[in-house]
Amino acid sequence: MNLLKTLLFTVLVPGTTLGVIPYLLLKTGRGKWTVDFIGFTVGGVLLVVLGVLIYLKCAWDFATRGQGTPSPHDPPRKLVITGLYRYSRNPMYVGIIAISGGEALLFHSYLLGLYALGLALAFHIWIIIYEEPTLRRMFGEAYEEYCRRVPRWVGRRGPKAR
């Protein structure tokens, strides 16, 4: 059941964020750069594919290991700290930002690039204001220890992260 709810959430929320909104922005015909470099296209495809794989792995882990969904209305009941969550506390958002940035490169659109930056900023604020306090209440010291070991985004958090 969690997998079905995760699929529904994925179609509705990331589907809108990464499909419908970029389509509408591109449809305006504005915000395209004129430099036509194959590296942008290749880089864009790679980022989109990598981002999709990251998102799918994280969504799978939320549904199976966490016994919940990516939706804030039906979050995981268990703290997910394995898989990609060993390297980032927010790999699902990293995947979404990668997809959005990849779309900007793929479609040669600085408008989509600005949209990707806006998404990153919105995610960062959402995490600080809502997600982290909620996870602290739900999981207590286990989440605090996880925060000490794993960075919010990517990279290493000292020798304990090894």
Protein backbone atom coordinates (compact mmCIF):
# COMPACT_ATOMS: atom_id res chain seq x y z
CA MET A 1 0.00 0.00 0.00
CA ASN A 2 2.87 2.40 0.79
CA LEU A 3 4.29 1.82 -2.69
CA LEU A 4 0.96 2.71 -4.29
CA LYS A 5 0.62 5.87 -2.18
CA THR A 6 4.24 6.75 -3.00
CA LEU A 7 3.53 6.33 -6.71
CA LEU A 8 0.46 8.55 -6.46
CA PHE A 9 2.39 11.23 -4.54
CA THR A 10 5.24 11.04 -7.08
CA VAL A 11 2.93 11.57 -10.03
CA LEU A 12 1.11 14.46 -8.36
CA VAL A 13 3.84 16.44 -6.58
CA PRO A 14 7.21 15.82 -8.26
CA GLY A 15 5.30 15.26 -11.51
CA THR A 16 3.88 18.76 -11.28
CA THR A 17 7.09 20.31 -9.96
CA LEU A 18 9.33 18.70 -12.58
CA GLY A 19 6.92 18.22 -15.47
CA VAL A 20 3.97 20.58 -15.60
CA ILE A 21 5.63 23.74 -14.26
CA PRO A 22 8.79 23.46 -16.43
CA TYR A 23 6.57 22.75 -19.45
CA LEU A 24 4.55 25.89 -18.78
CA LEU A 25 7.73 27.94 -18.32
CA LEU A 26 9.18 26.62 -21.58
CA LYS A 27 5.90 27.22 -23.39
CA THR A 28 6.30 30.96 -22.81
CA GLY A 29 9.19 30.87 -25.29
CA ARG A 30 11.26 33.04 -22.96
CA GLY A 31 14.41 32.40 -21.04
CA LYS A 32 16.39 30.39 -23.60
CA TRP A 33 20.07 30.96 -24.14
CA THR A 34 21.48 31.01 -27.64
CA VAL A 35 24.68 29.06 -27.05
CA ASP A 36 24.16 25.61 -28.54
CA PHE A 37 26.74 23.33 -26.93
CA ILE A 38 26.29 19.55 -26.93
CA GLY A 39 27.85 19.42 -23.46
CA PHE A 40 24.80 21.19 -22.03
CA THR A 41 22.50 18.59 -23.55
CA VAL A 42 24.62 15.64 -22.43
CA GLY A 43 25.07 17.12 -18.96
CA GLY A 44 21.35 17.77 -18.74
CA VAL A 45 20.46 14.20 -19.67
CA LEU A 46 22.97 12.84 -17.14
CA LEU A 47 21.62 15.06 -14.36
CA VAL A 48 18.02 14.12 -15.14
CA VAL A 49 18.80 10.39 -15.19
CA LEU A 50 20.88 10.61 -12.00
CA GLY A 51 18.18 12.66 -10.29
CA VAL A 52 15.43 10.22 -11.28
CA LEU A 53 17.46 7.27 -9.97
CA ILE A 54 18.16 9.08 -6.69
CA TYR A 55 14.50 10.01 -6.24
CA LEU A 56 13.26 6.49 -7.02
CA LYS A 57 15.75 4.88 -4.61
CA CYS A 58 14.76 7.29 -1.83
CA ALA A 59 11.03 6.87 -2.46
CA TRP A 60 11.49 3.08 -2.40
CA ASP A 61 13.37 3.29 0.90
CA PHE A 62 10.67 5.52 2.42
CA ALA A 63 7.95 3.05 1.41
CA THR A 64 9.76 -0.17 2.34
CA ARG A 65 12.20 0.64 5.15
CA GLY A 66 10.45 3.69 6.57
CA GLN A 67 6.93 2.26 6.21
CA GLY A 68 5.56 5.54 4.88
CA THR A 69 5.65 7.81 1.85
CA PRO A 70 7.46 11.00 0.74
CA SER A 71 4.28 12.96 1.51
CA PRO A 72 4.35 15.13 4.65
CA HIS A 73 0.80 13.85 5.29
CA ASP A 74 1.96 10.21 5.44
CA PRO A 75 5.65 10.28 6.41
CA PRO A 76 7.80 7.25 7.21
CA ARG A 77 7.10 5.75 10.61
CA LYS A 78 10.71 4.61 10.96
CA LEU A 79 13.76 6.83 10.58
CA VAL A 80 15.46 6.00 7.26
CA ILE A 81 19.23 6.33 7.65
CA THR A 82 20.48 3.70 5.22
CA GLY A 83 21.13 3.78 1.48
CA LEU A 84 21.63 7.29 0.15
CA TYR A 85 20.55 8.65 3.54
CA ARG A 86 24.01 7.67 4.84
CA TYR A 87 25.50 10.51 2.79
CA SER A 88 22.80 13.18 2.93
CA ARG A 89 19.82 13.80 5.17
CA ASN A 90 17.92 15.00 2.11
CA PRO A 91 18.95 12.94 -0.92
CA MET A 92 15.42 12.96 -2.32
CA TYR A 93 15.58 16.75 -2.59
CA VAL A 94 19.08 16.48 -4.06
CA GLY A 95 17.61 14.22 -6.75
CA ILE A 96 14.78 16.63 -7.50
CA ILE A 97 17.17 19.58 -7.73
CA ALA A 98 19.41 17.52 -10.05
CA ILE A 99 16.44 16.78 -12.31
CA SER A 100 15.41 20.43 -12.36
CA GLY A 101 18.95 21.64 -13.08
CA GLY A 102 19.30 18.96 -15.74
CA GLU A 103 16.12 20.18 -17.41
CA ALA A 104 17.59 23.70 -17.51
CA LEU A 105 20.68 22.38 -19.30
CA LEU A 106 18.76 20.02 -21.55
CA PHE A 107 16.35 22.70 -22.73
CA HIS A 108 18.96 25.49 -22.75
CA SER A 109 16.79 27.59 -20.47
CA TYR A 110 18.09 30.05 -17.93
CA LEU A 111 14.45 30.44 -16.82
CA LEU A 112 14.46 26.77 -15.79
CA GLY A 113 17.85 27.34 -14.16
CA LEU A 114 16.36 30.10 -12.03
CA TYR A 115 13.43 27.81 -11.26
CA ALA A 116 15.88 25.10 -10.11
CA LEU A 117 17.63 27.59 -7.83
CA GLY A 118 14.25 28.69 -6.47
CA LEU A 119 13.35 25.06 -5.76
CA ALA A 120 16.64 24.55 -3.93
CA LEU A 121 16.01 27.62 -1.77
CA ALA A 122 12.39 26.61 -1.09
CA PHE A 123 13.48 23.10 -0.10
CA HIS A 124 16.17 24.48 2.22
CA ILE A 125 13.68 26.75 3.98
CA TRP A 126 11.06 23.95 4.19
CA ILE A 127 13.62 21.59 5.72
CA ILE A 128 14.70 24.09 8.37
CA ILE A 129 11.23 25.38 9.25
CA TYR A 130 9.17 22.19 9.03
CA GLU A 131 10.97 18.91 8.37
CA GLU A 132 13.82 19.02 10.86
CA PRO A 133 11.66 20.14 13.83
CA THR A 134 9.06 17.49 12.91
CA LEU A 135 11.69 14.75 12.69
CA ARG A 136 13.18 15.83 16.02
CA ARG A 137 9.75 15.45 17.64
CA MET A 138 9.09 12.10 15.95
CA PHE A 139 12.46 10.40 16.43
CA GLY A 140 14.16 12.31 19.27
CA GLU A 141 17.75 11.43 20.07
CA ALA A 142 18.05 8.99 17.15
CA TYR A 143 17.46 11.89 14.75
CA GLU A 144 19.80 14.19 16.71
CA GLU A 145 22.59 11.62 16.41
CA TYR A 146 21.85 11.20 12.72
CA CYS A 147 22.13 14.99 12.26
CA ARG A 148 25.53 14.96 13.98
CA ARG A 149 26.81 12.25 11.62
CA VAL A 150 25.26 13.16 8.27
CA PRO A 151 25.19 16.57 6.53
CA ARG A 152 21.93 18.24 5.57
CA TRP A 153 22.85 18.22 1.88
CA VAL A 154 25.97 16.42 0.66
CA GLY A 155 29.54 15.91 1.76
CA ARG A 156 31.10 14.72 4.96
CA ARG A 157 30.36 15.60 8.53
CA GLY A 158 33.72 14.99 10.18
CA PRO A 159 35.34 11.64 11.02
CA LYS A 160 32.08 10.11 12.32
CA ALA A 161 30.65 10.10 8.78
CA ARG A 162 33.14 7.52 7.60
